[in-house]
Amino acid sequence: MTNKPRCWWCGEDPPYCEYHDKEWGVPVHDDRKMFEMLTLEGFQAGLSWIIILRKRDNFRKAFKNFDARKVARFGKADFARLMRDEGIIRNRLKIEGAITNARRFLEVQKEFGSFDRYIWRFVSNRTLRNPNGVTRKTMRPTSPESDALSNDLKQRGFKFVGSTVCYAHMQATGMVDDHVEGCFKYRRRGR
């Protein structure tokens, strides 16, 4: 990786830098990608993102390239297969949660026409940026918007969608742009 100035959290790890440079904070409007990131963020709860990032290809294979329709049809045999899969995080509750979330995801798509249309409402259909800029010290783990999203998802029956997970999802999918001042991807609000 080149020596571009980046957000501190990706360090110099090549996969982390690539994720930072090409994905984190970039607006996502593709439902499959939204489901992927929501699933991965749920598995990340309590763990480091780099662990998930390094297992991402395994997760894609295990979860049928994050096709929510296919995952929603997972049964006992699929659950058992996932629990044996050493390439992913083999946490019973998180696996059950991912399958449940696929079913709820389809319900949201049906109600709103797309998950994208549903989720971007929580940020008024625009990427949020801190008007005063973001630094390592001022970056927050939640926001009023992630609180609202978390509450709504929970009411709809989603699992592993606490406010911190939702805020991380919002950062990952460009609903929030928290690139820090000094990062080559940093943009002030309005630019």
C-alpha atoms as a PDB file:
ATOM      1  CA  MET A   1       0.000   0.000   0.000  1.00  0.00           C
ATOM      2  CA  THR A   2       1.138   3.514  -0.663  1.00  0.00           C
ATOM      3  CA  ASN A   3       1.937   5.848   2.178  1.00  0.00           C
ATOM      4  CA  LYS A   4      -1.246   7.874   1.899  1.00  0.00           C
ATOM      5  CA  PRO A   5      -2.381   9.507   5.133  1.00  0.00           C
ATOM      6  CA  ARG A   6      -5.272   7.403   6.447  1.00  0.00           C
ATOM      7  CA  CYS A   7      -7.526   7.038   9.454  1.00  0.00           C
ATOM      8  CA  TRP A   8      -5.495   5.589  12.330  1.00  0.00           C
ATOM      9  CA  TRP A   9      -7.590   2.430  12.770  1.00  0.00           C
ATOM     10  CA  CYS A  10      -6.450   0.650   9.600  1.00  0.00           C
ATOM     11  CA  GLY A  11      -2.768   0.940  10.463  1.00  0.00           C
ATOM     12  CA  GLU A  12      -0.571  -0.435   7.668  1.00  0.00           C
ATOM     13  CA  ASP A  13      -2.277  -3.820   7.228  1.00  0.00           C
ATOM     14  CA  PRO A  14      -2.844  -4.185   3.429  1.00  0.00           C
ATOM     15  CA  PRO A  15      -6.378  -5.698   3.600  1.00  0.00           C
ATOM     16  CA  TYR A  16      -7.402  -3.111   6.189  1.00  0.00           C
ATOM     17  CA  CYS A  17      -5.968  -0.259   4.092  1.00  0.00           C
ATOM     18  CA  GLU A  18      -7.725  -1.539   0.984  1.00  0.00           C
ATOM     19  CA  TYR A  19     -11.030  -1.744   2.857  1.00  0.00           C
ATOM     20  CA  HIS A  20     -10.500   1.796   4.176  1.00  0.00           C
ATOM     21  CA  ASP A  21      -9.532   3.179   0.773  1.00  0.00           C
ATOM     22  CA  LYS A  22     -12.199   1.495  -1.361  1.00  0.00           C
ATOM     23  CA  GLU A  23     -15.209   0.774   0.859  1.00  0.00           C
ATOM     24  CA  TRP A  24     -15.440   2.440   4.263  1.00  0.00           C
ATOM     25  CA  GLY A  25     -17.554   5.572   4.056  1.00  0.00           C
ATOM     26  CA  VAL A  26     -18.556   5.016   0.419  1.00  0.00           C
ATOM     27  CA  PRO A  27     -22.355   5.207  -0.013  1.00  0.00           C
ATOM     28  CA  VAL A  28     -23.935   1.806  -0.656  1.00  0.00           C
ATOM     29  CA  HIS A  29     -27.335   1.467  -2.310  1.00  0.00           C
ATOM     30  CA  ASP A  30     -27.187  -2.202  -3.283  1.00  0.00           C
ATOM     31  CA  ASP A  31     -29.380  -4.406  -1.078  1.00  0.00           C
ATOM     32  CA  ARG A  32     -27.099  -7.442  -1.319  1.00  0.00           C
ATOM     33  CA  LYS A  33     -24.140  -5.360  -0.152  1.00  0.00           C
ATOM     34  CA  MET A  34     -26.281  -3.876   2.635  1.00  0.00           C
ATOM     35  CA  PHE A  35     -27.177  -7.382   3.802  1.00  0.00           C
ATOM     36  CA  GLU A  36     -23.524  -8.438   3.649  1.00  0.00           C
ATOM     37  CA  MET A  37     -22.372  -5.529   5.774  1.00  0.00           C
ATOM     38  CA  LEU A  38     -25.211  -5.902   8.280  1.00  0.00           C
ATOM     39  CA  THR A  39     -24.382  -9.592   8.647  1.00  0.00           C
ATOM     40  CA  LEU A  40     -20.646  -9.017   9.000  1.00  0.00           C
ATOM     41  CA  GLU A  41     -21.159  -6.204  11.511  1.00  0.00           C
ATOM     42  CA  GLY A  42     -23.339  -8.562  13.564  1.00  0.00           C
ATOM     43  CA  PHE A  43     -20.603 -11.185  13.568  1.00  0.00           C
ATOM     44  CA  GLN A  44     -18.055  -8.520  14.486  1.00  0.00           C
ATOM     45  CA  ALA A  45     -19.866  -7.600  17.720  1.00  0.00           C
ATOM     46  CA  GLY A  46     -17.316  -8.007  20.496  1.00  0.00           C
ATOM     47  CA  LEU A  47     -14.478  -8.734  18.059  1.00  0.00           C
ATOM     48  CA  SER A  48     -12.020  -6.760  15.967  1.00  0.00           C
ATOM     49  CA  TRP A  49     -13.119  -5.838  12.440  1.00  0.00           C
ATOM     50  CA  ILE A  50      -9.837  -7.164  11.013  1.00  0.00           C
ATOM     51  CA  ILE A  51     -10.829 -10.673  12.172  1.00  0.00           C
ATOM     52  CA  ILE A  52     -14.030 -10.407  10.135  1.00  0.00           C
ATOM     53  CA  LEU A  53     -12.265  -8.810   7.193  1.00  0.00           C
ATOM     54  CA  ARG A  54      -9.769 -11.669   6.993  1.00  0.00           C
ATOM     55  CA  LYS A  55     -12.638 -14.202   7.016  1.00  0.00           C
ATOM     56  CA  ARG A  56     -14.822 -12.249   4.596  1.00  0.00           C
ATOM     57  CA  ASP A  57     -14.353 -14.575   1.605  1.00  0.00           C
ATOM     58  CA  ASN A  58     -15.223 -17.540   3.826  1.00  0.00           C
ATOM     59  CA  PHE A  59     -18.346 -15.732   5.018  1.00  0.00           C
ATOM     60  CA  ARG A  60     -19.336 -15.048   1.417  1.00  0.00           C
ATOM     61  CA  LYS A  61     -19.089 -18.750   0.569  1.00  0.00           C
ATOM     62  CA  ALA A  62     -20.823 -19.866   3.760  1.00  0.00           C
ATOM     63  CA  PHE A  63     -23.681 -17.385   3.355  1.00  0.00           C
ATOM     64  CA  LYS A  64     -24.285 -17.884  -0.391  1.00  0.00           C
ATOM     65  CA  ASN A  65     -22.682 -14.576  -1.371  1.00  0.00           C
ATOM     66  CA  PHE A  66     -25.074 -12.861   1.045  1.00  0.00           C
ATOM     67  CA  ASP A  67     -28.138 -13.597  -1.024  1.00  0.00           C
ATOM     68  CA  ALA A  68     -30.784 -12.844   1.615  1.00  0.00           C
ATOM     69  CA  ARG A  69     -33.369 -15.085  -0.112  1.00  0.00           C
ATOM     70  CA  LYS A  70     -31.049 -18.085   0.058  1.00  0.00           C
ATOM     71  CA  VAL A  71     -29.970 -17.392   3.639  1.00  0.00           C
ATOM     72  CA  ALA A  72     -33.603 -16.951   4.721  1.00  0.00           C
ATOM     73  CA  ARG A  73     -34.243 -20.537   3.583  1.00  0.00           C
ATOM     74  CA  PHE A  74     -31.390 -21.985   5.672  1.00  0.00           C
ATOM     75  CA  GLY A  75     -32.580 -24.853   7.840  1.00  0.00           C
ATOM     76  CA  LYS A  76     -31.088 -27.204  10.406  1.00  0.00           C
ATOM     77  CA  ALA A  77     -28.621 -28.774   7.944  1.00  0.00           C
ATOM     78  CA  ASP A  78     -27.327 -25.342   6.927  1.00  0.00           C
ATOM     79  CA  PHE A  79     -27.041 -24.289  10.546  1.00  0.00           C
ATOM     80  CA  ALA A  80     -25.050 -27.450  11.339  1.00  0.00           C
ATOM     81  CA  ARG A  81     -22.809 -26.809   8.309  1.00  0.00           C
ATOM     82  CA  LEU A  82     -22.117 -23.261   9.497  1.00  0.00           C
ATOM     83  CA  MET A  83     -21.334 -24.442  13.024  1.00  0.00           C
ATOM     84  CA  ARG A  84     -18.669 -26.765  11.566  1.00  0.00           C
ATOM     85  CA  ASP A  85     -17.194 -24.142   9.219  1.00  0.00           C
ATOM     86  CA  GLU A  86     -13.802 -23.145  10.644  1.00  0.00           C
ATOM     87  CA  GLY A  87     -13.530 -20.318   8.113  1.00  0.00           C
ATOM     88  CA  ILE A  88     -16.180 -18.188   9.843  1.00  0.00           C
ATOM     89  CA  ILE A  89     -17.038 -17.166  13.403  1.00  0.00           C
ATOM     90  CA  ARG A  90     -18.836 -20.218  14.792  1.00  0.00           C
ATOM     91  CA  ASN A  91     -21.044 -18.533  17.325  1.00  0.00           C
ATOM     92  CA  ARG A  92     -24.450 -20.196  17.632  1.00  0.00           C
ATOM     93  CA  LEU A  93     -26.354 -17.015  18.474  1.00  0.00           C
ATOM     94  CA  LYS A  94     -24.701 -14.985  15.707  1.00  0.00           C
ATOM     95  CA  ILE A  95     -25.396 -17.678  13.110  1.00  0.00           C
ATOM     96  CA  GLU A  96     -29.020 -17.926  14.225  1.00  0.00           C
ATOM     97  CA  GLY A  97     -29.172 -14.127  14.172  1.00  0.00           C
ATOM     98  CA  ALA A  98     -27.853 -13.937  10.607  1.00  0.00           C
ATOM     99  CA  ILE A  99     -30.526 -16.377   9.411  1.00  0.00           C
ATOM    100  CA  THR A 100     -33.253 -14.511  11.314  1.00  0.00           C
ATOM    101  CA  ASN A 101     -31.986 -11.217   9.927  1.00  0.00           C
ATOM    102  CA  ALA A 102     -32.208 -12.545   6.364  1.00  0.00           C
ATOM    103  CA  ARG A 103     -35.896 -13.276   6.931  1.00  0.00           C
ATOM    104  CA  ARG A 104     -36.524  -9.847   8.471  1.00  0.00           C
ATOM    105  CA  PHE A 105     -34.494  -8.234   5.665  1.00  0.00           C
ATOM    106  CA  LEU A 106     -36.863  -9.726   3.082  1.00  0.00           C
ATOM    107  CA  GLU A 107     -39.844  -8.411   5.038  1.00  0.00           C
ATOM    108  CA  VAL A 108     -38.356  -4.903   4.996  1.00  0.00           C
ATOM    109  CA  GLN A 109     -37.696  -5.182   1.249  1.00  0.00           C
ATOM    110  CA  LYS A 110     -41.305  -6.170   0.691  1.00  0.00           C
ATOM    111  CA  GLU A 111     -42.641  -3.329   2.841  1.00  0.00           C
ATOM    112  CA  PHE A 112     -40.407  -0.556   1.438  1.00  0.00           C
ATOM    113  CA  GLY A 113     -39.551  -1.854  -2.030  1.00  0.00           C
ATOM    114  CA  SER A 114     -35.884  -2.170  -1.054  1.00  0.00           C
ATOM    115  CA  PHE A 115     -33.796  -2.282   2.089  1.00  0.00           C
ATOM    116  CA  ASP A 116     -31.907   0.702   0.692  1.00  0.00           C
ATOM    117  CA  ARG A 117     -35.076   2.811   0.649  1.00  0.00           C
ATOM    118  CA  TYR A 118     -35.797   1.785   4.244  1.00  0.00           C
ATOM    119  CA  ILE A 119     -32.374   2.334   5.805  1.00  0.00           C
ATOM    120  CA  TRP A 120     -31.333   5.592   4.167  1.00  0.00           C
ATOM    121  CA  ARG A 121     -34.421   7.280   5.671  1.00  0.00           C
ATOM    122  CA  PHE A 122     -32.586   7.275   9.010  1.00  0.00           C
ATOM    123  CA  VAL A 123     -30.074   9.795   7.620  1.00  0.00           C
ATOM    124  CA  SER A 124     -32.585  11.724   5.472  1.00  0.00           C
ATOM    125  CA  ASN A 125     -31.131  10.089   2.337  1.00  0.00           C
ATOM    126  CA  ARG A 126     -27.758  11.818   2.623  1.00  0.00           C
ATOM    127  CA  THR A 127     -24.346  11.005   4.022  1.00  0.00           C
ATOM    128  CA  LEU A 128     -23.854  12.553   7.446  1.00  0.00           C
ATOM    129  CA  ARG A 129     -20.587  14.362   8.190  1.00  0.00           C
ATOM    130  CA  ASN A 130     -19.610  16.116  11.364  1.00  0.00           C
ATOM    131  CA  PRO A 131     -19.600  19.856  10.557  1.00  0.00           C
ATOM    132  CA  ASN A 132     -16.586  20.358  12.832  1.00  0.00           C
ATOM    133  CA  GLY A 133     -14.628  17.440  11.401  1.00  0.00           C
ATOM    134  CA  VAL A 134     -13.749  14.175  13.072  1.00  0.00           C
ATOM    135  CA  THR A 135     -10.636  13.315  15.006  1.00  0.00           C
ATOM    136  CA  ARG A 136      -9.562  10.162  16.782  1.00  0.00           C
ATOM    137  CA  LYS A 137     -10.727  11.727  20.049  1.00  0.00           C
ATOM    138  CA  THR A 138     -14.107  12.958  18.772  1.00  0.00           C
ATOM    139  CA  MET A 139     -15.190   9.890  16.763  1.00  0.00           C
ATOM    140  CA  ARG A 140     -18.177   8.407  18.502  1.00  0.00           C
ATOM    141  CA  PRO A 141     -19.496   4.819  18.652  1.00  0.00           C
ATOM    142  CA  THR A 142     -23.204   5.733  18.310  1.00  0.00           C
ATOM    143  CA  SER A 143     -25.442   8.586  17.239  1.00  0.00           C
ATOM    144  CA  PRO A 144     -29.107   9.544  17.553  1.00  0.00           C
ATOM    145  CA  GLU A 145     -29.563   8.101  14.045  1.00  0.00           C
ATOM    146  CA  SER A 146     -27.953   4.764  14.955  1.00  0.00           C
ATOM    147  CA  ASP A 147     -30.085   4.670  18.118  1.00  0.00           C
ATOM    148  CA  ALA A 148     -33.229   5.146  16.018  1.00  0.00           C
ATOM    149  CA  LEU A 149     -32.139   2.563  13.447  1.00  0.00           C
ATOM    150  CA  SER A 150     -31.261   0.066  16.163  1.00  0.00           C
ATOM    151  CA  ASN A 151     -34.614   0.501  17.899  1.00  0.00           C
ATOM    152  CA  ASP A 152     -36.535   0.109  14.658  1.00  0.00           C
ATOM    153  CA  LEU A 153     -34.592  -2.979  13.568  1.00  0.00           C
ATOM    154  CA  LYS A 154     -35.099  -4.588  16.978  1.00  0.00           C
ATOM    155  CA  GLN A 155     -38.837  -3.905  16.811  1.00  0.00           C
ATOM    156  CA  ARG A 156     -38.840  -5.676  13.453  1.00  0.00           C
ATOM    157  CA  GLY A 157     -37.161  -8.726  14.999  1.00  0.00           C
ATOM    158  CA  PHE A 158     -33.551  -8.246  13.834  1.00  0.00           C
ATOM    159  CA  LYS A 159     -30.739  -9.617  16.019  1.00  0.00           C
ATOM    160  CA  PHE A 160     -27.281  -8.206  16.838  1.00  0.00           C
ATOM    161  CA  VAL A 161     -28.331  -4.697  15.865  1.00  0.00           C
ATOM    162  CA  GLY A 162     -27.422  -2.610  18.885  1.00  0.00           C
ATOM    163  CA  SER A 163     -26.681   1.056  18.332  1.00  0.00           C
ATOM    164  CA  THR A 164     -22.907   0.485  18.122  1.00  0.00           C
ATOM    165  CA  VAL A 165     -23.358  -2.222  15.469  1.00  0.00           C
ATOM    166  CA  CYS A 166     -25.755   0.053  13.583  1.00  0.00           C
ATOM    167  CA  TYR A 167     -23.331   2.973  13.726  1.00  0.00           C
ATOM    168  CA  ALA A 168     -20.511   0.773  12.420  1.00  0.00           C
ATOM    169  CA  HIS A 169     -22.862  -0.349   9.638  1.00  0.00           C
ATOM    170  CA  MET A 170     -23.683   3.260   8.833  1.00  0.00           C
ATOM    171  CA  GLN A 171     -19.967   4.089   8.630  1.00  0.00           C
ATOM    172  CA  ALA A 172     -19.232   1.026   6.500  1.00  0.00           C
ATOM    173  CA  THR A 173     -21.990   1.810   4.010  1.00  0.00           C
ATOM    174  CA  GLY A 174     -21.370   5.532   3.687  1.00  0.00           C
ATOM    175  CA  MET A 175     -24.451   6.666   5.557  1.00  0.00           C
ATOM    176  CA  VAL A 176     -21.926   8.358   7.840  1.00  0.00           C
ATOM    177  CA  ASP A 177     -18.534   9.608   6.671  1.00  0.00           C
ATOM    178  CA  ASP A 178     -16.180   9.554   9.633  1.00  0.00           C
ATOM    179  CA  HIS A 179     -12.846   9.768   7.837  1.00  0.00           C
ATOM    180  CA  VAL A 180     -10.693  11.801  10.193  1.00  0.00           C
ATOM    181  CA  GLU A 181      -9.004  15.101   9.495  1.00  0.00           C
ATOM    182  CA  GLY A 182      -5.687  14.399   7.806  1.00  0.00           C
ATOM    183  CA  CYS A 183      -6.960  11.265   6.030  1.00  0.00           C
ATOM    184  CA  PHE A 184      -6.757  11.487   2.242  1.00  0.00           C
ATOM    185  CA  LYS A 185     -10.485  10.583   2.113  1.00  0.00           C
ATOM    186  CA  TYR A 186     -11.558  13.250   4.604  1.00  0.00           C
ATOM    187  CA  ARG A 187     -14.207  15.692   3.376  1.00  0.00           C
ATOM    188  CA  ARG A 188     -15.787  18.492   5.310  1.00  0.00           C
ATOM    189  CA  ARG A 189     -19.547  18.672   5.417  1.00  0.00           C
ATOM    190  CA  GLY A 190     -20.978  20.225   2.279  1.00  0.00           C
ATOM    191  CA  ARG A 191     -18.114  19.169   0.005  1.00  0.00           C
END
